[in-house]
Protein backbone atom coordinates (compact mmCIF):
# COMPACT_ATOMS: atom_id res chain seq x y z
CA UNK A 1 -2.06 -61.49 141.78
CA UNK A 2 -1.58 -65.27 141.76
CA UNK A 3 -4.14 -68.05 141.77
CA UNK A 4 -5.28 -69.91 144.86
CA UNK A 5 -4.25 -73.55 145.10
CA UNK A 6 -7.13 -76.02 144.86
CA UNK A 7 -5.81 -78.71 147.21
CA UNK A 8 -6.79 -78.61 150.87
CA UNK A 9 -3.88 -79.28 153.25
CA UNK A 10 -4.67 -79.78 156.94
CA UNK A 11 -3.01 -80.98 160.14
CA UNK A 12 -4.10 -82.18 163.55
CA UNK A 13 -2.36 -83.16 166.77
CA UNK A 14 -3.05 -86.58 168.25
CA UNK A 15 -2.97 -86.15 172.02
CA UNK A 16 0.74 -86.82 172.53
CA UNK A 17 4.05 -84.96 172.70
CA UNK A 18 2.56 -82.25 174.92
CA UNK A 19 -0.53 -81.59 172.77
CA UNK A 20 -4.16 -82.34 173.42
CA UNK A 21 -5.98 -84.06 170.60
CA UNK A 22 -7.11 -81.36 168.17
CA UNK A 23 -9.61 -81.16 165.32
CA UNK A 24 -8.34 -80.96 161.75
CA UNK A 25 -7.00 -77.47 161.11
CA UNK A 26 -6.82 -76.40 157.49
CA UNK A 27 -3.60 -74.64 156.48
CA UNK A 28 -4.09 -74.25 152.73
CA UNK A 29 -5.47 -72.62 150.78
CA UNK A 30 -6.16 -69.29 152.45
CA UNK A 31 -5.01 -67.54 155.61
CA UNK A 32 -4.92 -69.16 159.05
CA UNK A 33 -4.15 -67.20 162.21
CA UNK A 34 -2.74 -68.79 165.37
CA UNK A 35 -3.28 -66.66 168.42
CA UNK A 36 -3.20 -66.94 172.20
CA UNK A 37 -1.26 -65.69 175.18
CA UNK A 38 2.52 -65.74 175.37
CA UNK A 39 4.19 -69.12 175.86
CA UNK A 40 1.17 -71.26 174.95
CA UNK A 41 2.84 -73.03 172.03
CA UNK A 42 2.34 -70.99 168.84
CA UNK A 43 6.01 -71.27 167.89
CA UNK A 44 5.99 -74.97 168.68
CA UNK A 45 3.02 -75.53 166.36
CA UNK A 46 4.68 -73.68 163.48
CA UNK A 47 7.90 -75.61 163.93
CA UNK A 48 6.02 -78.90 164.12
CA UNK A 49 4.33 -78.14 160.81
CA UNK A 50 7.68 -77.20 159.30
CA UNK A 51 9.11 -80.54 160.50
CA UNK A 52 6.72 -82.56 158.35
CA UNK A 53 9.20 -82.51 155.47
CA UNK A 54 11.95 -83.97 157.65
CA UNK A 55 9.54 -86.66 158.82
CA UNK A 56 8.89 -87.71 155.23
CA UNK A 57 12.57 -87.74 154.36
CA UNK A 58 14.09 -89.32 157.47
CA UNK A 59 11.38 -90.44 159.89
CA UNK A 60 11.94 -87.48 162.24
CA UNK A 61 10.54 -87.90 165.74
CA UNK A 62 7.97 -85.86 167.66
CA UNK A 63 6.25 -83.49 167.77
CA UNK A 64 4.89 -84.08 164.28
CA UNK A 65 1.19 -83.50 163.54
CA UNK A 66 -0.88 -85.83 161.42
CA UNK A 67 -1.30 -84.50 157.88
CA UNK A 68 -4.23 -84.63 155.47
CA UNK A 69 -4.41 -83.67 151.81
CA UNK A 70 -7.66 -83.51 149.85
CA UNK A 71 -7.69 -83.11 146.09
CA UNK A 72 -10.43 -83.31 143.51
CA UNK A 73 -10.46 -87.10 143.35
CA UNK A 74 -8.47 -88.25 146.36
CA UNK A 75 -7.83 -87.92 150.08
CA UNK A 76 -4.83 -89.10 152.07
CA UNK A 77 -4.20 -88.96 155.83
CA UNK A 78 -0.95 -89.96 157.46
CA UNK A 79 0.73 -89.97 160.83
CA UNK A 80 4.35 -89.66 159.74
CA UNK A 81 6.00 -89.26 163.13
CA UNK A 82 8.35 -91.97 164.20
CA UNK A 83 10.04 -94.23 164.70
CA UNK A 84 8.46 -96.14 163.16
CA UNK A 85 7.33 -93.86 160.39
CA UNK A 86 4.66 -93.93 159.25
CA UNK A 87 2.47 -95.00 162.14
CA UNK A 88 -0.74 -94.73 160.11
CA UNK A 89 -1.58 -94.25 156.42
CA UNK A 90 -5.06 -93.97 154.90
CA UNK A 91 -5.67 -93.21 151.24
CA UNK A 92 -8.83 -92.95 149.17
CA UNK A 93 -8.80 -92.38 145.44
CA UNK A 94 -11.53 -92.51 142.84
CA UNK A 95 -11.37 -95.81 140.98
CA UNK A 96 -9.09 -97.51 143.52
CA UNK A 97 -9.74 -99.63 146.57
CA UNK A 98 -9.37 -97.77 149.88
CA UNK A 99 -5.98 -98.24 151.53
CA UNK A 100 -5.40 -98.34 155.29
CA UNK A 101 -2.38 -99.46 157.29
CA UNK A 102 -1.31 -99.00 160.91
CA UNK A 103 2.07 -99.93 162.42
CA UNK A 104 3.13 -100.39 166.02
CA UNK A 105 6.38 -100.75 167.94
CA UNK A 106 4.87 -102.95 170.63
CA UNK A 107 7.58 -105.30 171.88
CA UNK A 108 10.35 -103.18 170.42
CA UNK A 109 9.89 -104.13 166.76
CA UNK A 110 7.92 -102.24 164.15
CA UNK A 111 5.11 -104.36 162.80
CA UNK A 112 2.05 -103.94 160.65
CA UNK A 113 -0.97 -104.45 162.91
CA UNK A 114 -3.94 -103.56 160.68
CA UNK A 115 -4.27 -103.34 156.94
CA UNK A 116 -6.85 -103.00 154.19
CA UNK A 117 -5.48 -103.50 150.68
CA UNK A 118 -4.33 -106.43 148.53
CA UNK A 119 -1.49 -108.37 150.20
CA UNK A 120 0.81 -107.79 147.24
CA UNK A 121 1.00 -104.09 148.11
CA UNK A 122 1.55 -104.67 151.82
CA UNK A 123 4.28 -107.28 151.50
CA UNK A 124 7.10 -104.75 151.67
CA UNK A 125 5.56 -102.80 154.49
CA UNK A 126 5.49 -105.19 157.43
CA UNK A 127 8.50 -103.70 159.19
CA UNK A 128 8.99 -100.09 158.08
CA UNK A 129 11.88 -99.08 160.31
CA UNK A 130 12.98 -95.55 161.31
CA UNK A 131 13.24 -94.16 157.75
CA UNK A 132 10.24 -96.03 156.41
CA UNK A 133 8.59 -93.40 154.26
CA UNK A 134 11.63 -92.76 152.11
CA UNK A 135 12.14 -96.53 151.80
CA UNK A 136 8.57 -97.52 150.89
CA UNK A 137 7.29 -94.33 149.25
CA UNK A 138 6.85 -96.07 145.93
CA UNK A 139 4.14 -98.34 147.34
CA UNK A 140 2.38 -95.90 149.68
CA UNK A 141 -0.56 -94.60 147.65
CA UNK A 142 -0.59 -90.83 147.18
CA UNK A 143 2.69 -90.47 149.10
CA UNK A 144 4.21 -88.17 146.50
CA UNK A 145 1.22 -85.81 146.67
CA UNK A 146 1.30 -85.60 150.46
CA UNK A 147 5.09 -85.30 150.56
CA UNK A 148 5.01 -82.49 148.00
CA UNK A 149 2.36 -80.66 150.05
CA UNK A 150 4.55 -80.92 153.16
CA UNK A 151 7.56 -79.65 151.23
CA UNK A 152 5.72 -76.45 150.31
CA UNK A 153 5.90 -75.26 153.92
CA UNK A 154 8.32 -72.39 154.50
CA UNK A 155 9.06 -71.35 158.09
CA UNK A 156 9.88 -67.70 158.80
CA UNK A 157 11.30 -67.43 162.29
CA UNK A 158 11.03 -64.11 164.15
CA UNK A 159 13.90 -61.62 164.18
CA UNK A 160 15.51 -62.81 160.97
CA UNK A 161 18.83 -61.09 160.26
CA UNK A 162 18.88 -59.97 156.62
CA UNK A 163 22.16 -59.93 154.77
CA UNK A 164 23.44 -56.33 154.51
CA UNK A 165 26.95 -56.83 153.12
CA UNK A 166 27.08 -59.52 150.44
CA UNK A 167 29.26 -60.87 147.69
CA UNK A 168 28.37 -60.24 144.08
CA UNK A 169 27.19 -63.77 143.28
CA UNK A 170 23.57 -62.99 142.46
CA UNK A 171 20.60 -65.03 143.65
CA UNK A 172 17.01 -64.54 142.57
CA UNK A 173 14.93 -66.01 145.43
CA UNK A 174 15.37 -65.27 149.15
CA UNK A 175 15.97 -67.98 151.71
CA UNK A 176 13.52 -68.23 154.64
CA UNK A 177 16.21 -67.05 157.08
CA UNK A 178 17.00 -63.91 154.99
CA UNK A 179 20.64 -64.97 154.84
CA UNK A 180 20.88 -64.26 151.10
CA UNK A 181 18.62 -61.21 150.91
CA UNK A 182 21.51 -58.92 149.94
CA UNK A 183 22.38 -61.04 146.89
CA UNK A 184 18.68 -61.19 145.92
CA UNK A 185 18.34 -57.40 146.06
CA UNK A 186 21.61 -57.11 144.12
CA UNK A 187 20.25 -59.35 141.35
CA UNK A 188 16.84 -57.68 141.01
CA UNK A 189 18.21 -54.15 141.38
CA UNK A 190 20.85 -54.83 138.78
CA UNK A 191 18.28 -56.15 136.32
CA UNK A 192 15.63 -53.59 137.35
CA UNK A 193 13.04 -56.33 137.39
CA UNK A 194 9.32 -55.71 137.72
CA UNK A 195 9.43 -57.39 141.12
CA UNK A 196 12.05 -54.91 142.31
CA UNK A 197 9.84 -52.02 141.24
CA UNK A 198 6.96 -53.59 143.16
CA UNK A 199 9.14 -53.99 146.25
CA UNK A 200 10.10 -50.30 146.04
CA UNK A 201 6.45 -49.32 145.71
CA UNK A 202 5.25 -51.42 148.62
CA UNK A 203 8.05 -50.35 150.96
CA UNK A 204 7.41 -46.69 150.15
CA UNK A 205 3.71 -47.19 150.87
CA UNK A 206 4.43 -48.72 154.26
CA UNK A 207 7.39 -46.45 155.08
CA UNK A 208 6.83 -43.07 153.37
CA UNK A 209 10.36 -41.90 154.08
CA UNK A 210 11.81 -44.76 151.98
CA UNK A 211 11.59 -44.49 148.20
CA UNK A 212 14.12 -47.05 146.96
CA UNK A 213 16.02 -50.19 148.01
CA UNK A 214 19.63 -50.15 146.79
CA UNK A 215 22.55 -52.56 146.42
CA UNK A 216 25.72 -50.57 145.75
CA UNK A 217 29.40 -51.59 145.56
CA UNK A 218 31.30 -51.31 148.84
CA UNK A 219 34.50 -53.28 148.11
CA UNK A 220 36.04 -55.87 145.84
CA UNK A 221 33.26 -58.24 144.75
CA UNK A 222 31.13 -56.84 147.55
CA UNK A 223 27.91 -54.84 147.79
CA UNK A 224 26.00 -53.22 150.65
CA UNK A 225 22.22 -53.15 150.75
CA UNK A 226 20.75 -49.83 151.81
CA UNK A 227 17.55 -47.83 151.67
CA UNK A 228 17.30 -44.31 150.35
CA UNK A 229 15.76 -42.00 152.95
CA UNK A 230 14.13 -39.31 150.85
CA UNK A 231 13.54 -37.03 153.84
CA UNK A 232 17.24 -36.97 154.72
CA UNK A 233 18.32 -37.53 151.09
CA UNK A 234 20.87 -40.17 152.06
CA UNK A 235 21.37 -43.91 151.88
CA UNK A 236 21.12 -45.88 155.12
CA UNK A 237 22.60 -49.37 155.39
CA UNK A 238 20.03 -52.06 156.01
CA UNK A 239 21.78 -52.93 159.27
CA UNK A 240 21.11 -49.40 160.55
CA UNK A 241 17.36 -49.19 159.91
CA UNK A 242 14.53 -50.39 162.10
CA UNK A 243 13.82 -54.07 162.67
CA UNK A 244 10.27 -53.69 161.39
CA UNK A 245 11.52 -52.44 158.02
CA UNK A 246 14.05 -55.24 157.51
CA UNK A 247 11.62 -57.99 158.51
CA UNK A 248 8.95 -56.60 156.21
CA UNK A 249 11.38 -56.21 153.29
CA UNK A 250 12.35 -59.86 153.53
CA UNK A 251 8.74 -61.04 153.87
CA UNK A 252 7.55 -59.00 150.88
CA UNK A 253 10.43 -60.22 148.75
CA UNK A 254 9.70 -63.82 149.75
CA UNK A 255 5.99 -63.60 148.89
CA UNK A 256 6.76 -62.02 145.51
CA UNK A 257 9.71 -64.23 144.54
CA UNK A 258 9.17 -67.69 146.00
CA UNK A 259 7.46 -70.20 143.69
CA UNK A 260 3.69 -70.10 143.99
CA UNK A 261 1.95 -72.67 146.14
CA UNK A 262 4.06 -72.18 149.28
CA UNK A 263 2.48 -72.53 152.72
CA UNK A 264 4.21 -69.73 154.60
CA UNK A 265 4.57 -70.21 158.36
CA UNK A 266 5.16 -66.73 159.73
CA UNK A 267 5.87 -65.82 163.35
CA UNK A 268 4.68 -62.44 164.64
CA UNK A 269 5.06 -60.46 161.38
CA UNK A 270 3.73 -57.28 163.02
CA UNK A 271 5.91 -57.31 166.14
CA UNK A 272 7.78 -54.15 165.11
CA UNK A 273 5.16 -52.44 162.95
CA UNK A 274 2.99 -49.35 163.34
CA UNK A 275 -0.76 -50.12 163.10
CA UNK A 276 -0.94 -48.41 159.70
CA UNK A 277 1.81 -50.70 158.40
CA UNK A 278 0.01 -53.70 159.93
CA UNK A 279 -3.06 -52.91 157.84
CA UNK A 280 -1.02 -52.48 154.68
CA UNK A 281 0.75 -55.79 155.29
CA UNK A 282 -2.64 -57.48 155.74
CA UNK A 283 -3.80 -56.05 152.41
CA UNK A 284 -0.60 -57.22 150.71
CA UNK A 285 -1.02 -60.79 151.99
CA UNK A 286 -4.64 -60.88 150.91
CA UNK A 287 -3.59 -59.69 147.44
CA UNK A 288 -1.35 -62.76 147.02
CA UNK A 289 -3.48 -65.90 147.35
CA UNK A 290 -0.99 -67.85 145.25
CA UNK A 291 0.44 -68.83 148.65
CA UNK A 292 -1.22 -70.04 151.84
CA UNK A 293 -0.31 -68.36 155.13
CA UNK A 294 -0.23 -69.63 158.70
CA UNK A 295 0.50 -66.63 160.90
CA UNK A 296 1.00 -66.36 164.64
CA UNK A 297 0.06 -62.95 166.04
CA UNK A 298 -1.33 -61.15 169.09
CA UNK A 299 -2.48 -58.11 167.13
CA UNK A 300 -6.27 -57.61 166.91
CA UNK A 301 -5.63 -54.76 164.45
CA UNK A 302 -3.76 -57.08 162.09
CA UNK A 303 -6.25 -59.93 162.49
CA UNK A 304 -9.18 -57.66 161.71
CA UNK A 305 -7.48 -56.14 158.67
CA UNK A 306 -6.39 -59.57 157.46
CA UNK A 307 -9.91 -61.06 157.59
CA UNK A 308 -8.44 -64.55 157.97
CA UNK A 309 -10.21 -67.64 156.70
CA UNK A 310 -9.56 -69.37 160.00
CA UNK A 311 -8.55 -68.31 163.52
CA UNK A 312 -7.17 -70.89 165.95
CA UNK A 313 -6.85 -70.08 169.66
CA UNK A 314 -4.08 -71.83 171.58
CA UNK A 315 -4.35 -72.51 175.30
CA UNK A 316 -2.03 -74.36 177.60
CA UNK A 317 -2.37 -75.98 181.01
CA UNK A 318 -0.57 -78.62 183.04
CA UNK A 319 -1.85 -81.34 180.72
CA UNK A 320 -0.72 -79.84 177.43
CA UNK A 321 -1.45 -77.48 174.55
CA UNK A 322 -4.98 -77.13 173.19
CA UNK A 323 -5.83 -75.84 169.70
CA UNK A 324 -9.41 -74.62 169.27
CA UNK A 325 -10.78 -73.06 166.08
CA UNK A 326 -12.45 -69.73 166.88
CA UNK A 327 -13.59 -68.80 163.39
CA UNK A 328 -13.92 -71.26 160.52
CA UNK A 329 -13.87 -70.87 156.74
CA UNK A 330 -17.33 -69.66 155.83
CA UNK A 331 -18.30 -66.74 153.63
CA UNK A 332 -21.73 -66.48 155.26
CA UNK A 333 -20.12 -66.22 158.68
CA UNK A 334 -17.92 -63.34 157.60
CA UNK A 335 -20.99 -61.58 156.24
CA UNK A 336 -22.81 -62.08 159.54
CA UNK A 337 -19.87 -60.60 161.45
CA UNK A 338 -19.84 -57.56 159.17
CA UNK A 339 -23.57 -57.02 159.68
CA UNK A 340 -23.06 -57.16 163.44
CA UNK A 341 -20.11 -54.76 163.34
CA UNK A 342 -17.76 -57.44 164.71
CA UNK A 343 -14.14 -57.65 163.58
CA UNK A 344 -12.21 -60.96 163.48
CA UNK A 345 -9.64 -59.42 165.82
CA UNK A 346 -12.38 -58.91 168.41
CA UNK A 347 -12.92 -62.66 168.58
CA UNK A 348 -9.43 -64.02 168.19
CA UNK A 349 -7.88 -63.49 171.61
CA UNK A 350 -10.66 -64.67 173.95
CA UNK A 351 -11.54 -68.08 175.38
CA UNK A 352 -15.14 -66.95 175.92
CA UNK A 353 -17.09 -64.03 174.48
CA UNK A 354 -19.94 -61.88 175.81
CA UNK A 355 -21.74 -59.88 173.14
CA UNK A 356 -23.53 -56.78 174.47
CA UNK A 357 -25.46 -53.94 172.87
CA UNK A 358 -23.92 -50.57 173.71
CA UNK A 359 -20.49 -48.99 173.98
CA UNK A 360 -21.07 -48.15 177.65
CA UNK A 361 -22.09 -51.76 178.30
CA UNK A 362 -18.48 -52.73 177.53
CA UNK A 363 -17.45 -50.84 180.67
CA UNK A 364 -20.44 -51.67 182.86
CA UNK A 365 -20.69 -55.45 182.47
CA UNK A 366 -17.16 -56.33 183.64
CA UNK A 367 -18.00 -54.50 186.88
CA UNK A 368 -21.32 -56.30 187.29
CA UNK A 369 -19.71 -59.67 186.53
CA UNK A 370 -16.95 -59.02 189.06
CA UNK A 371 -19.62 -58.44 191.71
CA UNK A 372 -21.07 -61.83 190.76
CA UNK A 373 -17.65 -63.43 191.23
CA UNK A 374 -16.49 -63.62 187.60
CA UNK A 375 -13.35 -61.73 186.63
CA UNK A 376 -13.58 -61.25 182.85
CA UNK A 377 -9.85 -60.67 182.44
CA UNK A 378 -8.79 -63.68 184.50
CA UNK A 379 -11.36 -65.82 182.66
CA UNK A 380 -10.17 -64.50 179.26
CA UNK A 381 -13.67 -63.27 178.47
CA UNK A 382 -13.85 -60.72 175.67
CA UNK A 383 -16.71 -58.24 175.55
CA UNK A 384 -17.85 -57.19 172.09
CA UNK A 385 -20.48 -54.65 171.09
CA UNK A 386 -23.12 -55.80 168.62
CA UNK A 387 -24.23 -53.07 166.27
CA UNK A 388 -26.87 -54.66 164.06
CA UNK A 389 -28.36 -57.68 165.82
CA UNK A 390 -31.63 -58.69 164.15
CA UNK A 391 -31.44 -55.87 161.61
CA UNK A 392 -30.97 -57.86 158.39
CA UNK A 393 -31.82 -61.41 159.48
CA UNK A 394 -33.80 -63.02 162.28
CA UNK A 395 -32.31 -63.43 165.73
CA UNK A 396 -32.69 -67.20 165.36
CA UNK A 397 -30.74 -67.27 162.08
CA UNK A 398 -28.03 -64.98 163.44
CA UNK A 399 -27.58 -67.04 166.60
CA UNK A 400 -27.54 -70.30 164.65
CA UNK A 401 -24.76 -69.03 162.40
CA UNK A 402 -22.79 -67.58 165.30
CA UNK A 403 -23.00 -70.86 167.19
CA UNK A 404 -22.00 -72.92 164.14
CA UNK A 405 -18.88 -70.93 163.36
CA UNK A 406 -17.63 -69.35 166.60
CA UNK A 407 -16.04 -72.30 168.35
CA UNK A 408 -15.58 -70.84 171.82
CA UNK A 409 -18.13 -70.30 174.56
CA UNK A 410 -20.22 -67.24 173.83
CA UNK A 411 -23.36 -65.46 174.98
CA UNK A 412 -25.38 -62.72 173.32
CA UNK A 413 -26.96 -60.62 176.08
CA UNK A 414 -29.68 -58.21 175.00
CA UNK A 415 -31.79 -55.70 176.89
CA UNK A 416 -35.03 -57.09 178.24
CA UNK A 417 -37.11 -54.72 176.12
CA UNK A 418 -36.04 -56.72 173.01
CA UNK A 419 -37.39 -60.06 174.24
CA UNK A 420 -40.87 -59.68 172.76
CA UNK A 421 -41.38 -61.91 169.74
CA UNK A 422 -37.99 -63.68 169.98
CA UNK A 423 -38.10 -67.44 170.54
CA UNK A 424 -35.71 -69.14 172.91
CA UNK A 425 -32.37 -69.69 171.16
CA UNK A 426 -29.16 -71.24 172.59
CA UNK A 427 -26.50 -68.72 173.65
CA UNK A 428 -29.01 -65.84 173.60
CA UNK A 429 -30.19 -64.27 176.87
CA UNK A 430 -32.14 -61.20 177.92
CA UNK A 431 -31.86 -59.00 180.96
CA UNK A 432 -34.76 -59.40 183.40
CA UNK A 433 -35.28 -55.61 183.09
CA UNK A 434 -35.70 -53.28 180.09
CA UNK A 435 -32.04 -52.21 180.01
CA UNK A 436 -28.87 -52.28 182.07
CA UNK A 437 -29.63 -48.92 183.73
CA UNK A 438 -32.66 -50.52 185.35
CA UNK A 439 -30.23 -52.74 187.23
CA UNK A 440 -28.47 -49.64 188.51
CA UNK A 441 -31.76 -48.22 189.80
CA UNK A 442 -32.07 -51.21 192.15
CA UNK A 443 -29.57 -49.56 194.50
CA UNK A 444 -30.44 -45.85 195.07
CA UNK A 445 -27.44 -45.45 197.35
CA UNK A 446 -25.12 -46.64 194.55
CA UNK A 447 -26.83 -44.19 192.18
CA UNK A 448 -26.26 -41.30 194.59
CA UNK A 449 -22.66 -42.30 195.40
CA UNK A 450 -21.72 -42.98 191.79
CA UNK A 451 -23.07 -39.65 190.58
CA UNK A 452 -21.38 -37.86 193.49
CA UNK A 453 -18.07 -39.54 192.66
CA UNK A 454 -18.22 -38.32 189.06
CA UNK A 455 -19.14 -34.80 190.24
CA UNK A 456 -16.17 -34.70 192.58
CA UNK A 457 -13.84 -35.82 189.81
CA UNK A 458 -15.01 -33.07 187.47
CA UNK A 459 -15.73 -30.14 189.78
CA UNK A 460 -14.05 -28.40 192.66
CA UNK A 461 -17.20 -26.78 194.03
CA UNK A 462 -20.07 -28.46 195.85
CA UNK A 463 -22.94 -29.66 193.65
CA UNK A 464 -26.04 -27.49 193.25
CA UNK A 465 -29.34 -28.59 194.78
CA UNK A 466 -27.43 -30.12 197.69
CA UNK A 467 -30.60 -31.23 199.43
CA UNK A 468 -31.61 -33.35 196.47
CA UNK A 469 -28.42 -35.40 196.87
CA UNK A 470 -29.69 -36.86 200.16
CA UNK A 471 -30.25 -40.60 199.88
CA UNK A 472 -33.90 -40.27 200.85
CA UNK A 473 -34.45 -37.77 198.02
CA UNK A 474 -32.73 -39.94 195.43
CA UNK A 475 -34.58 -43.03 196.63
CA UNK A 476 -37.91 -41.19 196.54
CA UNK A 477 -37.30 -39.90 193.03
CA UNK A 478 -36.49 -43.41 191.72
CA UNK A 479 -39.49 -44.99 193.47
CA UNK A 480 -41.86 -42.37 192.13
CA UNK A 481 -40.66 -42.83 188.53
CA UNK A 482 -40.64 -46.64 188.57
CA UNK A 483 -43.61 -47.55 190.78
CA UNK A 484 -46.21 -49.41 188.77
CA UNK A 485 -44.24 -48.95 185.56
CA UNK A 486 -42.02 -51.99 184.95
CA UNK A 487 -41.35 -50.96 181.35
CA UNK A 488 -39.86 -47.57 182.16
CA UNK A 489 -36.34 -47.13 180.74
CA UNK A 490 -33.68 -46.80 183.41
CA UNK A 491 -31.73 -44.41 181.20
CA UNK A 492 -34.70 -42.04 181.15
CA UNK A 493 -34.99 -42.11 184.94
CA UNK A 494 -31.26 -41.46 185.40
CA UNK A 495 -31.30 -38.68 182.80
CA UNK A 496 -34.21 -36.94 184.59
CA UNK A 497 -32.59 -37.44 188.01
CA UNK A 498 -29.32 -35.94 186.81
CA UNK A 499 -31.25 -32.96 185.41
CA UNK A 500 -32.87 -32.45 188.82
CA UNK A 501 -29.43 -32.58 190.42
CA UNK A 502 -28.02 -29.99 188.02
CA UNK A 503 -25.97 -31.89 185.44
CA UNK A 504 -26.30 -34.08 182.32
CA UNK A 505 -26.31 -37.85 182.64
CA UNK A 506 -23.71 -39.57 180.45
CA UNK A 507 -23.99 -43.33 180.43
CA UNK A 508 -20.33 -44.07 179.52
CA UNK A 509 -19.22 -41.95 182.52
CA UNK A 510 -21.93 -42.29 185.15
CA UNK A 511 -22.96 -45.87 184.38
CA UNK A 512 -19.65 -47.53 185.36
CA UNK A 513 -19.33 -45.23 188.40
CA UNK A 514 -22.75 -46.31 189.67
CA UNK A 515 -21.98 -49.96 188.90
CA UNK A 516 -18.85 -49.78 191.06
CA UNK A 517 -21.00 -48.81 194.05
CA UNK A 518 -23.70 -51.47 193.56
CA UNK A 519 -24.29 -53.99 196.30
CA UNK A 520 -23.80 -57.54 194.90
CA UNK A 521 -27.10 -58.78 196.34
CA UNK A 522 -29.15 -56.57 193.99
CA UNK A 523 -27.73 -58.59 191.08
CA UNK A 524 -28.50 -62.08 192.43
CA UNK A 525 -31.00 -62.89 189.68
CA UNK A 526 -28.35 -62.27 186.97
CA UNK A 527 -26.08 -65.16 187.98
CA UNK A 528 -27.92 -67.91 186.07
CA UNK A 529 -27.59 -65.92 182.83
CA UNK A 530 -23.79 -66.32 182.90
CA UNK A 531 -23.34 -69.76 184.47
CA UNK A 532 -22.81 -71.64 181.20
CA UNK A 533 -20.44 -68.97 179.89
CA UNK A 534 -18.09 -69.14 182.89
CA UNK A 535 -18.25 -72.79 183.91
């Protein structure tokens, strides 16, 4: 296992080139996940980060994010897009005067418009020109540190095509495009390096049928990379195995063999993987903090297993691409999520989140919200079950930490019977009744029709106690059990009613069925609870 880099490398977009202005997003050290729907800009963000090096070397044009590097005794921020490049440069270093310079192309010529530093340093910087950074790097404070940080980025595009047939000129480190992977395997297999043994072990763990990666002669000065399938006891050329295997082989080799301190920009690494392999890949990445990782993915399984330091949600509309941190780097926050039974993957793909108490609530609340006019799917609202709210810390402390570190709209909705003794806290609401089943009892006809629907789905014969299924009987039963008893649990009433009708009440089955039959007007007092979440 390598050591984590100590420098903090971050980027942000500045409200141009199709991006909304974003907060600073840390890329290194640690693991950052970019997620969001298809075609919202995840690939564009990764490529923009990868283009920082070109901007330093040649003044490459947009889209280039602003970059920031923080070390133990210094901080430097720079907008290195161009022309001109740079547009802005700010540097602070212990023992030195702060440096700040901003250039503009107003009127067609690059010119220094603001500056803070002795004139002797700024003399050569008045007109930087299209390749300014490479020309004036020697006088830009901390330019070498920021440039070196940018040059650590390594972009892994999706669907890389690994080299299967290769010449016998060995190479020891894979290229990001996998174009020399065959020669790398040839070198490490031929020398039986420790890294090659580790690659064999990891691939066998993720793909049990594979026990060895080979590079055997197949012509004059030519080798073919293959895998040994131990089930079939034969070698299979790398070009004839699954895409998931080849992509993973290249990624593992790159992590193990590239110099430490890389910031690896990886697109959809789990696109072709079984969930079990996703989890193993997450464990492998976490075991190698000598690199930083910026990973785009849609997989909640992978995100949860990865336990990323940061999750950034991308959204896109007619005005541009928006980057919003969902989860930030905070050990306490991760501990809170574990206590609540919440996985990072649960949070990563939603623009708003409704936390509820029970498993059945996950099915009931989308129906209730739809009756109030809010489509949870269309509004990208994720529903997550809380499993330990208030168990190990106060509700106020839990809500404060959730609100500080979950950077999307969210609401914790608890049953009304939990309200006693809990002070008012932002983003925390209570039902106006003891539990969600009490809402269902407001419409006896929906109760009768929902239960009848479930019976018809499960049985071919008519229900027993047919007379008790009359609406008047169901309504009378509910009135009798709830009259003068506002604290009665709705689940108890429905359980007893079902017993009278000749079957067992099961909330995950009967609850959603009853909810589907509810009249919207019986839910009118719930609307204000959700207004802030959906507006």
